[in-house]
């Protein structure tokens, strides 16, 4: 029963970051409940997977550092507030072993996202995009923001296999 419970609690992370990415992509917002749910689920996940108090503290430190970085990026208007919160709560789950991978993969995914949006917003593709669903045509609007939650989710999912939480799961 415990391995099944461990697997279930580990699914919380990818499911919530994917929901955050989809919400950001379609509405340019990431609801607070996603970040709050990630915070609330972290402690039970860490306890079920047998992380030591020191390891949990290191995860918390990484999350706080990511929150400070996210707040700085928000203050510079590089990302939105929901993006900053998702960035920090994903870092909480990923911890130190995966932090560098997370930051690098998020940056690469952000670059790919920027190229995709530049293409969608180009005079060549924009007329075709505008005939699609409202959320998709909104992505083609040059005055719109960048749904950076998509890049954050991609970076988080790519870094998750190297996280201490996933490494602690006997089924991995």
Protein backbone atom coordinates (compact mmCIF):
# COMPACT_ATOMS: atom_id res chain seq x y z
CA UNK A 1 0.00 0.00 0.00
CA UNK A 2 2.81 2.47 0.84
CA UNK A 3 4.51 2.25 -2.62
CA UNK A 4 1.13 2.96 -4.22
CA UNK A 5 0.63 5.94 -1.91
CA UNK A 6 4.15 7.16 -2.69
CA UNK A 7 3.47 6.91 -6.42
CA UNK A 8 0.18 8.77 -6.02
CA UNK A 9 1.74 11.63 -4.06
CA UNK A 10 4.57 11.89 -6.60
CA UNK A 11 1.98 12.35 -9.37
CA UNK A 12 0.79 15.55 -7.69
CA UNK A 13 3.86 17.43 -8.92
CA UNK A 14 3.71 16.72 -12.67
CA UNK A 15 -0.09 17.00 -12.75
CA UNK A 16 -0.10 20.42 -11.08
CA UNK A 17 2.74 21.91 -13.12
CA UNK A 18 1.04 20.71 -16.32
CA UNK A 19 -2.24 22.28 -15.20
CA UNK A 20 -0.34 25.49 -14.42
CA UNK A 21 1.22 25.49 -17.89
CA UNK A 22 -2.11 24.86 -19.60
CA UNK A 23 -3.85 27.58 -17.60
CA UNK A 24 -1.05 30.04 -18.41
CA UNK A 25 -1.14 29.10 -22.09
CA UNK A 26 -4.90 29.56 -22.37
CA UNK A 27 -5.53 32.48 -20.00
CA UNK A 28 -2.13 34.07 -19.22
CA UNK A 29 -2.75 33.39 -15.52
CA UNK A 30 -1.68 30.70 -13.09
CA UNK A 31 -4.16 30.39 -10.24
CA UNK A 32 -2.79 30.63 -6.70
CA UNK A 33 -4.38 27.31 -5.76
CA UNK A 34 -1.81 25.50 -7.91
CA UNK A 35 1.15 26.91 -5.99
CA UNK A 36 -0.64 26.44 -2.67
CA UNK A 37 -1.42 22.81 -3.52
CA UNK A 38 2.22 22.19 -4.44
CA UNK A 39 3.34 23.64 -1.10
CA UNK A 40 0.72 21.65 0.84
CA UNK A 41 1.61 18.37 -0.90
CA UNK A 42 5.38 18.73 -0.51
CA UNK A 43 5.59 17.87 3.20
CA UNK A 44 3.46 14.68 2.96
CA UNK A 45 5.43 13.66 -0.14
CA UNK A 46 8.77 14.23 1.58
CA UNK A 47 7.66 12.33 4.70
CA UNK A 48 6.20 9.41 2.72
CA UNK A 49 9.40 9.10 0.73
CA UNK A 50 11.58 9.21 3.84
CA UNK A 51 13.46 12.45 3.23
CA UNK A 52 15.48 13.47 6.26
CA UNK A 53 14.78 16.78 8.01
CA UNK A 54 18.07 18.09 6.59
CA UNK A 55 17.07 17.16 3.06
CA UNK A 56 13.67 18.76 3.56
CA UNK A 57 15.40 21.91 4.81
CA UNK A 58 17.59 21.96 1.70
CA UNK A 59 14.48 21.69 -0.47
CA UNK A 60 12.98 24.60 1.46
CA UNK A 61 16.16 26.63 0.98
CA UNK A 62 16.08 26.00 -2.78
CA UNK A 63 12.42 27.00 -2.87
CA UNK A 64 13.09 30.24 -0.98
CA UNK A 65 16.04 31.06 -3.26
CA UNK A 66 13.81 30.46 -6.28
CA UNK A 67 11.11 32.66 -4.75
CA UNK A 68 13.63 35.50 -4.32
CA UNK A 69 14.79 35.02 -7.92
CA UNK A 70 11.18 34.88 -9.12
CA UNK A 71 10.32 38.05 -7.22
CA UNK A 72 13.29 39.79 -8.82
CA UNK A 73 12.19 38.65 -12.30
CA UNK A 74 8.65 39.81 -11.51
CA UNK A 75 9.94 43.20 -10.32
CA UNK A 76 11.85 43.55 -13.60
CA UNK A 77 8.60 42.64 -15.42
CA UNK A 78 10.24 39.63 -17.07
CA UNK A 79 7.60 37.23 -15.74
CA UNK A 80 4.19 37.44 -14.08
CA UNK A 81 3.40 36.85 -10.43
CA UNK A 82 1.91 33.42 -11.08
CA UNK A 83 5.06 32.45 -12.98
CA UNK A 84 7.23 33.53 -10.03
CA UNK A 85 5.14 31.47 -7.59
CA UNK A 86 5.12 28.40 -9.87
CA UNK A 87 8.89 28.75 -10.34
CA UNK A 88 9.43 28.76 -6.57
CA UNK A 89 7.03 25.94 -5.69
CA UNK A 90 8.46 23.72 -8.41
CA UNK A 91 11.95 24.43 -7.05
CA UNK A 92 10.71 23.40 -3.59
CA UNK A 93 9.77 19.99 -4.98
CA UNK A 94 12.94 19.60 -7.05
CA UNK A 95 15.50 20.54 -4.40
CA UNK A 96 19.23 20.96 -4.74
CA UNK A 97 20.11 17.91 -6.84
CA UNK A 98 17.83 19.04 -9.65
CA UNK A 99 18.02 22.84 -9.23
CA UNK A 100 20.69 23.47 -11.85
CA UNK A 101 18.97 21.19 -14.36
CA UNK A 102 15.68 22.96 -13.60
CA UNK A 103 17.09 26.44 -14.20
CA UNK A 104 18.90 25.41 -17.39
CA UNK A 105 15.94 23.50 -18.84
CA UNK A 106 13.54 26.31 -17.96
CA UNK A 107 15.82 28.78 -19.72
CA UNK A 108 16.07 26.58 -22.82
CA UNK A 109 12.32 25.99 -22.84
CA UNK A 110 11.79 29.74 -22.44
CA UNK A 111 13.97 30.37 -25.48
CA UNK A 112 12.02 27.82 -27.51
CA UNK A 113 8.76 29.38 -26.32
CA UNK A 114 9.98 32.83 -27.34
CA UNK A 115 10.91 31.58 -30.82
CA UNK A 116 7.51 29.91 -31.18
CA UNK A 117 5.71 33.11 -30.15
CA UNK A 118 7.85 35.22 -32.50
CA UNK A 119 6.84 32.85 -35.30
CA UNK A 120 3.15 32.95 -34.36
CA UNK A 121 3.27 36.73 -34.14
CA UNK A 122 5.01 37.12 -37.51
CA UNK A 123 3.13 38.70 -40.41
CA UNK A 124 3.29 35.38 -42.25
CA UNK A 125 1.62 33.16 -39.64
CA UNK A 126 -0.45 35.64 -37.66
CA UNK A 127 -3.37 35.80 -40.14
CA UNK A 128 -3.76 32.00 -39.96
CA UNK A 129 -3.48 31.90 -36.19
CA UNK A 130 -6.20 34.53 -35.81
CA UNK A 131 -8.73 32.10 -37.30
CA UNK A 132 -8.16 29.63 -34.45
CA UNK A 133 -9.65 29.50 -30.98
CA UNK A 134 -9.60 32.72 -28.96
CA UNK A 135 -6.85 31.61 -26.58
CA UNK A 136 -4.65 30.59 -29.52
CA UNK A 137 -5.18 33.81 -31.46
CA UNK A 138 -4.40 35.72 -28.26
CA UNK A 139 -0.94 34.08 -28.31
CA UNK A 140 -0.38 35.72 -31.70
CA UNK A 141 -1.06 39.20 -30.33
CA UNK A 142 2.27 41.07 -30.28
CA UNK A 143 1.06 43.15 -27.33
CA UNK A 144 0.38 40.09 -25.16
CA UNK A 145 2.73 38.76 -22.52
CA UNK A 146 4.61 35.48 -22.70
CA UNK A 147 2.97 32.54 -20.89
CA UNK A 148 6.26 31.64 -19.19
CA UNK A 149 4.50 29.04 -17.02
CA UNK A 150 4.84 26.75 -20.04
CA UNK A 151 8.64 27.01 -19.92
CA UNK A 152 8.66 26.63 -16.13
CA UNK A 153 6.58 23.47 -16.36
CA UNK A 154 8.80 22.05 -19.11
CA UNK A 155 11.94 22.75 -17.07
CA UNK A 156 10.35 21.24 -13.96
CA UNK A 157 9.24 18.08 -15.74
CA UNK A 158 12.65 17.62 -17.36
CA UNK A 159 14.42 18.09 -14.00
CA UNK A 160 12.01 15.93 -11.97
CA UNK A 161 13.80 12.60 -12.64
CA UNK A 162 16.93 13.97 -10.93
CA UNK A 163 15.04 15.30 -7.89
CA UNK A 164 15.70 13.84 -4.45
CA UNK A 165 12.00 13.04 -4.08
CA UNK A 166 11.84 10.88 -7.18
CA UNK A 167 15.23 9.34 -6.44
CA UNK A 168 13.95 8.35 -2.98
CA UNK A 169 11.02 6.43 -4.44
CA UNK A 170 11.77 2.69 -4.45
CA UNK A 171 9.83 2.28 -7.71
CA UNK A 172 12.19 4.58 -9.61
